[in-house]
Amino acid sequence: MLKPGTKAPAFTLLDQNGQKVKLSEHAGHKVLVYFYPKADTPGCTTQSCALRDVAAEVGDTAIIGISPDQPERLAKFDTK
């Protein structure tokens, strides 16, 4: 299990638009990675919205949410 501040392993995943996102694209910048079990559920929506709402406060930090959902489901969640 990773602890806060631990360097994350390299990954490449599809975003809500089906585009590849690589952690390495953010080399040299801060990245906040969070995980959620299923898009568009009450808890995950609260978590994602809370991070969206503080995005301006974390400065030049990329916020990346990771879910096992397929891009199509993530796109619906993103739009909503």
C-alpha atoms as a PDB file:
ATOM      1  CA  MET A   1       0.000   0.000   0.000  1.00  0.00           C
ATOM      2  CA  LEU A   2       1.292   3.447  -0.903  1.00  0.00           C
ATOM      3  CA  LYS A   3       1.582   6.101   1.771  1.00  0.00           C
ATOM      4  CA  PRO A   4       1.059   9.831   1.211  1.00  0.00           C
ATOM      5  CA  GLY A   5       4.095  11.315  -0.473  1.00  0.00           C
ATOM      6  CA  THR A   6       5.257   7.971  -1.889  1.00  0.00           C
ATOM      7  CA  LYS A   7       6.223   8.048  -5.559  1.00  0.00           C
ATOM      8  CA  ALA A   8       3.444   6.423  -7.566  1.00  0.00           C
ATOM      9  CA  PRO A   9       4.231   3.628  -9.998  1.00  0.00           C
ATOM     10  CA  ALA A  10       4.089   4.470 -13.703  1.00  0.00           C
ATOM     11  CA  PHE A  11       0.692   3.992 -15.319  1.00  0.00           C
ATOM     12  CA  THR A  12      -1.172   4.639 -18.542  1.00  0.00           C
ATOM     13  CA  LEU A  13      -4.981   4.607 -18.442  1.00  0.00           C
ATOM     14  CA  LEU A  14      -7.838   5.768 -20.635  1.00  0.00           C
ATOM     15  CA  ASP A  15      -9.708   8.908 -19.607  1.00  0.00           C
ATOM     16  CA  GLN A  16     -13.413   9.626 -20.074  1.00  0.00           C
ATOM     17  CA  ASN A  17     -12.757  10.494 -23.728  1.00  0.00           C
ATOM     18  CA  GLY A  18     -10.865   7.281 -24.444  1.00  0.00           C
ATOM     19  CA  GLN A  19      -7.545   9.167 -24.581  1.00  0.00           C
ATOM     20  CA  LYS A  20      -4.431   7.721 -22.944  1.00  0.00           C
ATOM     21  CA  VAL A  21      -3.251   9.486 -19.788  1.00  0.00           C
ATOM     22  CA  LYS A  22       0.273   8.713 -18.624  1.00  0.00           C
ATOM     23  CA  LEU A  23       1.551   9.635 -15.212  1.00  0.00           C
ATOM     24  CA  SER A  24       4.903  10.353 -16.866  1.00  0.00           C
ATOM     25  CA  GLU A  25       3.274  13.271 -18.734  1.00  0.00           C
ATOM     26  CA  HIS A  26       3.205  15.073 -15.390  1.00  0.00           C
ATOM     27  CA  ALA A  27       6.889  14.528 -14.542  1.00  0.00           C
ATOM     28  CA  GLY A  28       8.260  17.416 -12.516  1.00  0.00           C
ATOM     29  CA  HIS A  29       4.812  18.542 -11.358  1.00  0.00           C
ATOM     30  CA  LYS A  30       2.700  17.661  -8.363  1.00  0.00           C
ATOM     31  CA  VAL A  31      -0.064  15.143  -8.973  1.00  0.00           C
ATOM     32  CA  LEU A  32      -2.905  14.206  -6.651  1.00  0.00           C
ATOM     33  CA  VAL A  33      -4.173  10.732  -7.562  1.00  0.00           C
ATOM     34  CA  TYR A  34      -7.373   9.440  -6.009  1.00  0.00           C
ATOM     35  CA  PHE A  35      -9.304   6.233  -6.519  1.00  0.00           C
ATOM     36  CA  TYR A  36     -13.025   5.632  -6.572  1.00  0.00           C
ATOM     37  CA  PRO A  37     -14.844   2.307  -7.019  1.00  0.00           C
ATOM     38  CA  LYS A  38     -17.691   3.351  -9.324  1.00  0.00           C
ATOM     39  CA  ALA A  39     -18.601   6.522 -11.170  1.00  0.00           C
ATOM     40  CA  ASP A  40     -21.837   8.361 -10.435  1.00  0.00           C
ATOM     41  CA  THR A  41     -22.483   6.897  -7.003  1.00  0.00           C
ATOM     42  CA  PRO A  42     -23.243   9.228  -4.067  1.00  0.00           C
ATOM     43  CA  GLY A  43     -19.907   8.791  -2.277  1.00  0.00           C
ATOM     44  CA  CYS A  44     -17.792   9.015  -5.399  1.00  0.00           C
ATOM     45  CA  THR A  45     -19.710  12.043  -6.634  1.00  0.00           C
ATOM     46  CA  THR A  46     -19.147  13.814  -3.303  1.00  0.00           C
ATOM     47  CA  GLN A  47     -15.435  12.964  -3.377  1.00  0.00           C
ATOM     48  CA  SER A  48     -14.939  14.050  -6.989  1.00  0.00           C
ATOM     49  CA  CYS A  49     -16.909  17.284  -6.562  1.00  0.00           C
ATOM     50  CA  ALA A  50     -14.971  18.163  -3.413  1.00  0.00           C
ATOM     51  CA  LEU A  51     -11.680  17.789  -5.268  1.00  0.00           C
ATOM     52  CA  ARG A  52     -13.017  19.797  -8.220  1.00  0.00           C
ATOM     53  CA  ASP A  53     -14.056  22.547  -5.809  1.00  0.00           C
ATOM     54  CA  VAL A  54     -10.572  22.864  -4.260  1.00  0.00           C
ATOM     55  CA  ALA A  55      -8.636  22.516  -7.526  1.00  0.00           C
ATOM     56  CA  ALA A  56      -7.766  26.228  -7.549  1.00  0.00           C
ATOM     57  CA  GLU A  57      -6.458  25.968  -3.982  1.00  0.00           C
ATOM     58  CA  VAL A  58      -3.933  23.208  -4.733  1.00  0.00           C
ATOM     59  CA  GLY A  59      -2.124  25.345  -7.285  1.00  0.00           C
ATOM     60  CA  ASP A  60      -0.259  23.729 -10.137  1.00  0.00           C
ATOM     61  CA  THR A  61      -1.277  20.208  -9.118  1.00  0.00           C
ATOM     62  CA  ALA A  62      -2.904  17.820 -11.562  1.00  0.00           C
ATOM     63  CA  ILE A  63      -5.841  15.930 -10.072  1.00  0.00           C
ATOM     64  CA  ILE A  64      -6.351  12.460 -11.520  1.00  0.00           C
ATOM     65  CA  GLY A  65      -9.234  10.217 -10.503  1.00  0.00           C
ATOM     66  CA  ILE A  66      -8.940   6.493 -11.211  1.00  0.00           C
ATOM     67  CA  SER A  67     -11.913   4.169 -11.474  1.00  0.00           C
ATOM     68  CA  PRO A  68     -12.410   0.676 -12.923  1.00  0.00           C
ATOM     69  CA  ASP A  69     -15.261   2.042 -15.066  1.00  0.00           C
ATOM     70  CA  GLN A  70     -15.092   2.120 -18.863  1.00  0.00           C
ATOM     71  CA  PRO A  71     -14.560   5.492 -20.611  1.00  0.00           C
ATOM     72  CA  GLU A  72     -18.215   5.682 -21.722  1.00  0.00           C
ATOM     73  CA  ARG A  73     -19.460   5.529 -18.119  1.00  0.00           C
ATOM     74  CA  LEU A  74     -16.799   8.003 -17.018  1.00  0.00           C
ATOM     75  CA  ALA A  75     -17.891  10.416 -19.770  1.00  0.00           C
ATOM     76  CA  LYS A  76     -21.488  10.346 -18.509  1.00  0.00           C
ATOM     77  CA  PHE A  77     -20.257  10.987 -14.968  1.00  0.00           C
ATOM     78  CA  ASP A  78     -18.009  13.824 -16.152  1.00  0.00           C
ATOM     79  CA  THR A  79     -20.862  15.462 -18.075  1.00  0.00           C
ATOM     80  CA  LYS A  80     -23.243  15.182 -15.125  1.00  0.00           C
END
